[in-house]
Amino acid sequence: MLDSSPGVVTTAVVDPARSTSRLLTAAQRLPWWGSVLVIYGLSRVFSTILLFGMYRIAAMNPGRWANGYIDEGSTKGFVGFLNVWDARFYTQVAEHGYPTTLAMTSSGVVEKNAWAFLPAFPWTVRILAQLTGWETGFVAVGVATVFGALAALMLYRFLRLRVGELSALWGTTFFCFGAMAFLLEVGYAESMVLFLLFAGLLAIMERRYVLLTVCGVAASFTKPGALALALALGIVVVQRYWKDRDDFPKAERVQAVVAGLVVAAAGFAWPLIAAAATGHPGAYLQTEMVWWHDVLGYTPKFIPLEPWFLMAVRYLGYAGILVVLAIVVLFVWGMRKPSLRRLGIETRAFVIAYALYLFAVFLPQESIPRLIMPLAPLVAVDSFTHRPMIRRLALFSGMALQVTCVVTLWLAGPP
């Protein structure tokens, strides 16, 4: 049995009778990292073939696809195609930095600009591009692909501590071949933040608070959502103190609290930096909410916990409120299921914290499939991974959905 005591780092012991899997048998012939990298490499072959096929379709009729953005991408070849949509803003930051003034529309609304995109990914690209002399878009694809591999390795490592080798391996496979896995090799910051979040979660499990601080701060300047690590740590600290404070010495409590406060402070830092750099107090928040205008037709005043209700009422009327409440109830009910509890307190705390972040500040729209990628540990539950038929269904469904997402999002609209 898996020792589920708070904070105890153990490896799950899975019933051998339930662990038969050709994937597991093949993986055991390699070191754990070799198995994960082979799975990741095969998934990149699949995603690359898929993306290249869509690129060729777009290149044959560029004016028809992606609202004209493919025109620009097709002139730069396949690498250009991998750096459209939000990747264009990352390229702008890498090559030109951030604007010091915010352009405004005639109606006084902030125009879309680079302040909505945090600097860790584009600055990494910029440094490597300058060192190598390679084109920015090519470096962006390389950086994203490498961090995708690192994210898969981290996901496997912390899953193995809680659900065993079989579930960790299949959970990682589902992640690598999932609906939005093509984003692991395009010019987006997704793969970098996934690596940092998963590494931070592993650090919480192993009680390595300095490493957690480094990962949390870095994630805070990669993409929004790193505050979930601070909240997850807070949940774990409270749970450990409440249930077994004798196994939670004072020195470790102080380290954990300090780490959480530093990560939380970093999570709130970017809006202050944007305001100082532009002289506009609401530079970051107003920039983010410009994208809301495309969906709602207007830019509302930001109120935490309201976005999902705004979207639901917009399209479903007041019945949408009941739909949102039903989603919340289903999530709470699902998190109490025994199969999810076996993921461990740290993973469940992170899932709850990140889901709360999405619910509190995010307007659900076409980008939600990529924003839920940090919830990947949920597919490693044994109700998926210990049933051969369900495993095959989950794997091939993810691959089929990836085709759908590339066509409907990357080719025809922004993910």
Protein backbone atom coordinates (compact mmCIF):
# COMPACT_ATOMS: atom_id res chain seq x y z
CA MET A 1 0.00 0.00 0.00
CA LEU A 2 1.05 3.58 -0.56
CA ASP A 3 1.91 5.39 2.63
CA SER A 4 -0.34 8.44 2.46
CA SER A 5 0.96 10.12 5.57
CA PRO A 6 1.38 13.85 5.01
CA GLY A 7 4.64 14.72 3.36
CA VAL A 8 6.07 11.19 3.46
CA VAL A 9 7.95 10.45 0.25
CA THR A 10 7.41 6.83 -0.72
CA THR A 11 7.08 4.75 -3.84
CA ALA A 12 3.70 3.14 -4.37
CA VAL A 13 3.52 -0.63 -4.41
CA VAL A 14 1.04 -1.81 -7.02
CA ASP A 15 -0.53 -5.25 -7.11
CA PRO A 16 1.51 -7.19 -9.74
CA ALA A 17 -1.61 -8.95 -10.94
CA ARG A 18 -3.04 -5.66 -12.04
CA SER A 19 0.18 -4.32 -13.57
CA THR A 20 0.43 -6.27 -16.81
CA SER A 21 1.21 -3.85 -19.62
CA ARG A 22 3.36 -4.20 -22.73
CA LEU A 23 4.37 -0.55 -22.30
CA LEU A 24 5.58 -1.21 -18.76
CA THR A 25 7.40 -4.39 -19.80
CA ALA A 26 9.22 -2.55 -22.59
CA ALA A 27 9.99 0.44 -20.37
CA GLN A 28 11.60 -1.73 -17.69
CA ARG A 29 14.37 -2.60 -20.15
CA LEU A 30 15.56 1.02 -20.00
CA PRO A 31 16.40 3.42 -17.19
CA TRP A 32 13.30 5.38 -16.14
CA TRP A 33 14.44 8.54 -17.90
CA GLY A 34 15.18 6.60 -21.08
CA SER A 35 11.67 5.19 -21.14
CA VAL A 36 10.12 8.63 -20.69
CA LEU A 37 12.31 10.17 -23.39
CA VAL A 38 11.42 7.41 -25.85
CA ILE A 39 7.72 8.02 -25.21
CA TYR A 40 8.24 11.76 -25.57
CA GLY A 41 10.26 11.30 -28.76
CA LEU A 42 7.54 9.16 -30.34
CA SER A 43 4.94 11.74 -29.38
CA ARG A 44 7.00 14.49 -31.03
CA VAL A 45 7.13 12.46 -34.24
CA PHE A 46 3.34 12.21 -34.18
CA SER A 47 2.81 15.92 -33.41
CA THR A 48 5.41 17.07 -35.94
CA ILE A 49 3.88 15.03 -38.76
CA LEU A 50 0.47 16.41 -37.82
CA LEU A 51 1.66 20.02 -37.67
CA PHE A 52 3.61 19.71 -40.91
CA GLY A 53 0.54 18.34 -42.66
CA MET A 54 -1.50 21.31 -41.47
CA TYR A 55 1.29 23.66 -42.54
CA ARG A 56 1.22 22.28 -46.06
CA ILE A 57 -2.55 22.72 -46.20
CA ALA A 58 -2.22 26.31 -44.94
CA ALA A 59 0.64 27.11 -47.33
CA MET A 60 -1.46 26.07 -50.33
CA ASN A 61 -4.15 28.60 -49.41
CA PRO A 62 -2.61 30.95 -46.84
CA GLY A 63 -5.22 33.71 -46.96
CA ARG A 64 -7.93 31.34 -45.80
CA TRP A 65 -6.43 30.17 -42.55
CA ALA A 66 -5.76 31.68 -39.11
CA ASN A 67 -7.18 35.09 -39.95
CA GLY A 68 -4.22 35.79 -42.20
CA TYR A 69 -1.53 34.94 -39.65
CA ILE A 70 -0.50 31.92 -41.70
CA ASP A 71 0.43 34.31 -44.51
CA GLU A 72 3.23 35.56 -42.35
CA GLY A 73 4.14 32.09 -41.12
CA SER A 74 4.19 30.48 -44.54
CA THR A 75 6.77 32.99 -45.80
CA LYS A 76 9.13 31.69 -43.11
CA GLY A 77 8.42 28.04 -43.79
CA PHE A 78 7.44 25.43 -41.27
CA VAL A 79 9.26 27.14 -38.39
CA GLY A 80 7.23 30.26 -39.07
CA PHE A 81 4.06 28.18 -38.88
CA LEU A 82 5.14 27.01 -35.41
CA ASN A 83 5.44 30.62 -34.25
CA VAL A 84 2.03 32.14 -35.00
CA TRP A 85 -0.76 33.35 -32.68
CA ASP A 86 0.59 34.16 -29.19
CA ALA A 87 4.06 33.05 -30.26
CA ARG A 88 4.30 36.29 -32.23
CA PHE A 89 4.21 38.24 -28.97
CA TYR A 90 6.92 36.04 -27.46
CA THR A 91 9.01 36.70 -30.57
CA GLN A 92 8.40 40.43 -30.16
CA VAL A 93 9.61 40.31 -26.55
CA ALA A 94 12.66 38.24 -27.52
CA GLU A 95 13.65 40.60 -30.31
CA HIS A 96 12.46 44.02 -29.09
CA GLY A 97 11.54 43.80 -25.41
CA TYR A 98 8.42 45.34 -23.87
CA PRO A 99 6.81 48.64 -24.88
CA THR A 100 7.27 51.52 -22.46
CA THR A 101 3.97 53.10 -23.48
CA LEU A 102 0.63 51.42 -24.06
CA ALA A 103 -1.10 52.02 -27.37
CA MET A 104 -4.76 52.95 -26.97
CA THR A 105 -7.71 52.58 -29.29
CA SER A 106 -9.85 55.57 -30.28
CA SER A 107 -12.31 54.54 -27.56
CA GLY A 108 -9.61 54.66 -24.89
CA VAL A 109 -9.13 50.89 -24.51
CA VAL A 110 -5.63 49.41 -24.24
CA GLU A 111 -4.62 47.56 -27.40
CA LYS A 112 -3.22 44.03 -27.33
CA ASN A 113 0.46 44.16 -26.45
CA ALA A 114 3.39 42.15 -25.14
CA TRP A 115 2.80 42.92 -21.44
CA ALA A 116 0.33 40.02 -21.32
CA PHE A 117 3.27 37.62 -21.90
CA LEU A 118 5.80 37.03 -19.16
CA PRO A 119 9.55 37.21 -19.84
CA ALA A 120 11.21 33.93 -18.79
CA PHE A 121 10.54 32.06 -22.04
CA PRO A 122 11.28 34.86 -24.56
CA TRP A 123 14.37 36.01 -22.69
CA THR A 124 15.70 32.45 -22.66
CA VAL A 125 15.09 32.36 -26.41
CA ARG A 126 16.80 35.72 -26.86
CA ILE A 127 19.93 34.69 -24.95
CA LEU A 128 20.27 31.43 -26.88
CA ALA A 129 19.60 33.14 -30.21
CA GLN A 130 22.34 35.66 -29.51
CA LEU A 131 24.77 32.94 -28.42
CA THR A 132 24.11 30.71 -31.43
CA GLY A 133 23.23 33.27 -34.10
CA TRP A 134 20.19 31.18 -35.00
CA GLU A 135 16.83 32.65 -35.98
CA THR A 136 14.53 33.48 -33.05
CA GLY A 137 11.65 31.28 -34.19
CA PHE A 138 13.89 28.24 -34.61
CA VAL A 139 15.35 28.72 -31.11
CA ALA A 140 11.85 29.16 -29.65
CA VAL A 141 10.77 25.81 -31.08
CA GLY A 142 13.93 24.15 -29.75
CA VAL A 143 13.54 25.63 -26.26
CA ALA A 144 9.88 24.61 -26.11
CA THR A 145 10.66 21.06 -27.25
CA VAL A 146 13.45 20.58 -24.71
CA PHE A 147 11.32 21.88 -21.85
CA GLY A 148 8.53 19.58 -23.02
CA ALA A 149 10.87 16.64 -22.46
CA LEU A 150 11.84 17.99 -19.04
CA ALA A 151 8.16 18.42 -18.14
CA ALA A 152 7.47 14.79 -19.07
CA LEU A 153 10.41 13.65 -16.92
CA MET A 154 9.21 15.67 -13.92
CA LEU A 155 5.64 14.47 -14.33
CA TYR A 156 6.79 10.84 -14.30
CA ARG A 157 9.06 11.38 -11.29
CA PHE A 158 6.46 12.80 -8.94
CA LEU A 159 3.71 10.47 -10.15
CA ARG A 160 5.89 7.43 -9.49
CA LEU A 161 6.27 8.51 -5.87
CA ARG A 162 2.53 8.32 -5.35
CA VAL A 163 0.89 5.92 -7.84
CA GLY A 164 3.66 3.55 -8.87
CA GLU A 165 5.53 2.80 -12.06
CA LEU A 166 2.60 1.61 -14.18
CA SER A 167 0.32 4.58 -13.53
CA ALA A 168 3.21 7.06 -13.78
CA LEU A 169 4.26 5.66 -17.14
CA TRP A 170 0.77 5.66 -18.61
CA GLY A 171 -0.04 9.07 -17.11
CA THR A 172 3.07 10.47 -18.78
CA THR A 173 2.11 8.80 -22.06
CA PHE A 174 -1.37 10.35 -21.96
CA PHE A 175 0.28 13.73 -21.32
CA CYS A 176 2.71 13.40 -24.24
CA PHE A 177 0.03 12.28 -26.70
CA GLY A 178 -2.81 14.39 -25.32
CA ALA A 179 -5.12 16.78 -27.14
CA MET A 180 -2.90 19.85 -26.67
CA ALA A 181 0.48 18.10 -26.67
CA PHE A 182 1.44 19.76 -29.95
CA LEU A 183 2.01 22.92 -27.88
CA LEU A 184 5.10 21.26 -26.41
CA GLU A 185 6.99 22.08 -29.61
CA VAL A 186 5.65 25.46 -30.72
CA GLY A 187 6.81 28.92 -29.71
CA TYR A 188 4.67 29.06 -26.57
CA ALA A 189 5.77 29.10 -22.91
CA GLU A 190 3.56 26.11 -21.99
CA SER A 191 6.30 23.49 -21.85
CA MET A 192 8.56 25.70 -19.71
CA VAL A 193 5.89 26.47 -17.14
CA LEU A 194 4.76 22.83 -17.05
CA PHE A 195 8.31 21.76 -16.22
CA LEU A 196 8.58 24.40 -13.47
CA LEU A 197 5.19 23.55 -11.95
CA PHE A 198 5.86 19.81 -11.98
CA ALA A 199 9.35 20.32 -10.55
CA GLY A 200 7.88 22.57 -7.87
CA LEU A 201 5.31 19.91 -7.00
CA LEU A 202 8.06 17.31 -6.73
CA ALA A 203 9.94 19.70 -4.42
CA ILE A 204 6.87 19.95 -2.17
CA MET A 205 6.72 16.16 -1.97
CA GLU A 206 10.42 15.92 -1.12
CA ARG A 207 10.28 18.91 1.26
CA ARG A 208 12.98 20.74 -0.69
CA TYR A 209 11.85 24.29 -0.04
CA VAL A 210 14.77 26.10 -1.65
CA LEU A 211 14.16 24.21 -4.89
CA LEU A 212 10.43 24.96 -4.57
CA THR A 213 11.21 28.65 -4.21
CA VAL A 214 13.40 28.68 -7.30
CA CYS A 215 10.81 26.82 -9.37
CA GLY A 216 7.93 28.92 -8.07
CA VAL A 217 9.65 32.25 -8.72
CA ALA A 218 10.75 31.16 -12.20
CA ALA A 219 7.23 29.93 -13.00
CA SER A 220 5.79 33.25 -11.80
CA PHE A 221 7.72 34.98 -14.60
CA THR A 222 6.88 32.35 -17.20
CA LYS A 223 3.08 32.22 -17.22
CA PRO A 224 0.26 33.20 -14.86
CA GLY A 225 -0.84 30.44 -12.51
CA ALA A 226 2.27 29.85 -10.44
CA LEU A 227 0.37 31.11 -7.39
CA ALA A 228 -1.16 27.62 -7.36
CA LEU A 229 2.16 26.29 -6.07
CA ALA A 230 2.05 28.69 -3.11
CA LEU A 231 -1.55 27.77 -2.30
CA ALA A 232 -0.82 24.05 -2.68
CA LEU A 233 2.08 24.38 -0.27
CA GLY A 234 -0.19 26.23 2.14
CA ILE A 235 -2.74 23.41 2.02
CA VAL A 236 -0.04 20.81 2.67
CA VAL A 237 1.45 22.82 5.55
CA VAL A 238 -1.93 23.23 7.26
CA GLN A 239 -2.75 19.56 6.77
CA ARG A 240 0.58 18.40 8.17
CA TYR A 241 0.40 20.76 11.15
CA TRP A 242 -3.16 19.74 11.91
CA LYS A 243 -2.68 15.96 11.64
CA ASP A 244 0.90 15.33 12.76
CA ARG A 245 2.73 18.38 14.00
CA ASP A 246 5.28 16.20 15.81
CA ASP A 247 6.56 15.12 12.38
CA PHE A 248 6.66 18.75 11.28
CA PRO A 249 9.49 20.43 13.19
CA LYS A 250 9.45 24.17 13.71
CA ALA A 251 12.48 24.81 11.49
CA GLU A 252 10.79 23.07 8.58
CA ARG A 253 7.56 24.98 9.18
CA VAL A 254 9.49 28.24 8.92
CA GLN A 255 11.19 27.14 5.69
CA ALA A 256 7.86 26.11 4.18
CA VAL A 257 6.11 29.35 5.13
CA VAL A 258 8.96 31.49 3.84
CA ALA A 259 9.02 29.57 0.55
CA GLY A 260 5.27 30.00 0.15
CA LEU A 261 5.42 33.73 0.86
CA VAL A 262 8.27 34.26 -1.61
CA VAL A 263 6.46 32.36 -4.37
CA ALA A 264 3.24 34.26 -3.62
CA ALA A 265 5.07 37.59 -3.77
CA ALA A 266 6.63 36.63 -7.10
CA GLY A 267 3.19 35.68 -8.38
CA PHE A 268 1.92 39.21 -7.77
CA ALA A 269 5.06 41.00 -8.99
CA TRP A 270 4.49 41.22 -12.75
CA PRO A 271 1.52 43.66 -12.62
CA LEU A 272 3.65 45.97 -10.46
CA ILE A 273 6.58 45.72 -12.88
CA ALA A 274 4.32 46.48 -15.85
CA ALA A 275 2.85 49.47 -14.05
CA ALA A 276 6.29 50.85 -13.15
CA ALA A 277 7.65 50.37 -16.67
CA THR A 278 4.71 51.96 -18.48
CA GLY A 279 3.49 54.49 -15.95
CA HIS A 280 0.03 52.94 -16.30
CA PRO A 281 -1.28 51.49 -12.99
CA GLY A 282 -3.45 48.88 -14.69
CA ALA A 283 -1.10 48.04 -17.55
CA TYR A 284 -1.03 44.28 -17.05
CA LEU A 285 -4.64 43.67 -16.03
CA GLN A 286 -6.11 45.89 -18.73
CA THR A 287 -3.88 44.27 -21.33
CA GLU A 288 -5.03 40.79 -20.30
CA MET A 289 -8.67 41.83 -20.43
CA VAL A 290 -8.40 43.08 -24.01
CA TRP A 291 -8.72 39.42 -25.01
CA TRP A 292 -11.98 39.28 -23.05
CA HIS A 293 -13.38 41.92 -25.39
CA ASP A 294 -13.06 39.53 -28.33
CA VAL A 295 -15.39 37.07 -26.58
CA LEU A 296 -17.81 39.25 -24.64
CA GLY A 297 -17.97 42.21 -27.01
CA TYR A 298 -17.04 44.53 -24.16
CA THR A 299 -14.38 44.72 -21.44
CA PRO A 300 -15.96 44.37 -17.99
CA LYS A 301 -14.46 45.42 -14.70
CA PHE A 302 -12.42 42.56 -13.31
CA ILE A 303 -13.95 40.91 -10.24
CA PRO A 304 -12.38 37.66 -8.99
CA LEU A 305 -14.63 34.56 -9.18
CA GLU A 306 -16.91 36.30 -11.70
CA PRO A 307 -15.46 35.39 -15.16
CA TRP A 308 -17.07 31.95 -15.53
CA PHE A 309 -20.46 33.37 -14.56
CA LEU A 310 -20.02 36.22 -17.06
CA MET A 311 -19.32 33.75 -19.85
CA ALA A 312 -22.15 31.41 -18.89
CA VAL A 313 -24.75 34.17 -18.64
CA ARG A 314 -23.56 35.63 -21.93
CA TYR A 315 -24.31 32.43 -23.86
CA LEU A 316 -26.83 30.56 -21.70
CA GLY A 317 -28.70 33.29 -19.91
CA TYR A 318 -29.28 33.00 -16.18
CA ALA A 319 -29.46 29.21 -16.54
CA GLY A 320 -25.69 29.47 -17.08
CA ILE A 321 -25.26 30.24 -13.38
CA LEU A 322 -26.66 26.81 -12.56
CA VAL A 323 -24.32 25.23 -15.11
CA VAL A 324 -21.28 26.84 -13.48
CA LEU A 325 -22.42 25.81 -9.99
CA ALA A 326 -22.95 22.26 -11.27
CA ILE A 327 -19.37 22.21 -12.60
CA VAL A 328 -18.09 23.30 -9.19
CA VAL A 329 -20.12 20.62 -7.40
CA LEU A 330 -18.92 17.91 -9.81
CA PHE A 331 -15.30 18.98 -9.31
CA VAL A 332 -15.60 18.86 -5.52
CA TRP A 333 -17.31 15.47 -5.72
CA GLY A 334 -14.67 14.12 -8.10
CA MET A 335 -11.78 15.22 -5.89
CA ARG A 336 -13.19 13.06 -3.08
CA LYS A 337 -13.12 9.84 -5.09
CA PRO A 338 -10.71 7.19 -3.73
CA SER A 339 -8.77 6.90 -7.01
CA LEU A 340 -7.90 10.60 -6.86
CA ARG A 341 -7.06 10.47 -3.18
CA ARG A 342 -4.34 7.95 -4.04
CA LEU A 343 -2.52 10.71 -5.94
CA GLY A 344 -1.47 12.06 -2.55
CA ILE A 345 -2.20 15.24 -0.64
CA GLU A 346 0.40 17.29 -2.51
CA THR A 347 -0.92 16.49 -5.99
CA ARG A 348 -4.53 16.96 -4.97
CA ALA A 349 -3.68 20.23 -3.25
CA PHE A 350 -2.03 21.47 -6.43
CA VAL A 351 -4.96 20.37 -8.62
CA ILE A 352 -7.41 22.14 -6.30
CA ALA A 353 -5.26 25.27 -6.15
CA TYR A 354 -4.76 25.47 -9.90
CA ALA A 355 -8.44 24.81 -10.61
CA LEU A 356 -9.33 27.58 -8.16
CA TYR A 357 -6.97 29.93 -10.02
CA LEU A 358 -8.66 29.14 -13.33
CA PHE A 359 -12.08 29.65 -11.80
CA ALA A 360 -11.15 32.87 -10.03
CA VAL A 361 -9.43 34.82 -12.81
CA PHE A 362 -9.84 33.11 -16.18
CA LEU A 363 -12.58 33.78 -18.71
CA PRO A 364 -13.30 30.36 -20.30
CA GLN A 365 -12.68 30.56 -24.04
CA GLU A 366 -10.75 28.75 -26.76
CA SER A 367 -7.52 28.81 -24.76
CA ILE A 368 -8.93 26.74 -21.91
CA PRO A 369 -7.69 23.39 -23.36
CA ARG A 370 -4.07 24.53 -23.03
CA LEU A 371 -4.61 26.19 -19.67
CA ILE A 372 -5.76 22.93 -18.11
CA MET A 373 -2.57 21.11 -19.15
CA PRO A 374 -1.11 21.46 -15.60
CA LEU A 375 -3.98 19.20 -14.44
CA ALA A 376 -2.31 16.29 -16.29
CA PRO A 377 -1.77 14.26 -13.06
CA LEU A 378 -5.51 13.57 -13.02
CA VAL A 379 -5.17 11.10 -15.91
CA ALA A 380 -2.74 8.95 -13.91
CA VAL A 381 -5.44 7.54 -11.63
CA ASP A 382 -5.64 3.76 -11.56
CA SER A 383 -9.19 3.74 -12.94
CA PHE A 384 -7.51 4.77 -16.24
CA THR A 385 -4.11 3.18 -16.03
CA HIS A 386 -4.97 -0.30 -14.72
CA ARG A 387 -7.59 -1.18 -17.32
CA PRO A 388 -6.19 -2.08 -20.75
CA MET A 389 -9.34 -1.10 -22.64
CA ILE A 390 -9.51 2.29 -20.90
CA ARG A 391 -5.80 2.86 -21.51
CA ARG A 392 -6.17 2.28 -25.23
CA LEU A 393 -9.30 4.42 -25.39
CA ALA A 394 -7.61 7.28 -23.50
CA LEU A 395 -4.47 7.14 -25.67
CA PHE A 396 -6.21 7.04 -29.04
CA SER A 397 -8.81 9.58 -27.94
CA GLY A 398 -6.01 11.97 -27.01
CA MET A 399 -4.35 11.50 -30.39
CA ALA A 400 -7.63 11.99 -32.23
CA LEU A 401 -8.41 15.09 -30.19
CA GLN A 402 -4.94 16.43 -30.97
CA VAL A 403 -5.79 16.28 -34.66
CA THR A 404 -9.04 18.13 -33.93
CA CYS A 405 -7.30 20.77 -31.81
CA VAL A 406 -4.58 21.44 -34.38
CA VAL A 407 -7.23 21.95 -37.06
CA THR A 408 -9.69 24.01 -35.02
CA LEU A 409 -7.23 25.97 -32.88
CA TRP A 410 -3.78 26.20 -34.41
CA LEU A 411 -4.93 26.27 -38.02
CA ALA A 412 -8.21 28.17 -37.73
CA GLY A 413 -8.11 30.09 -34.46
CA PRO A 414 -5.85 30.95 -31.52
CA PRO A 415 -5.41 28.26 -28.85
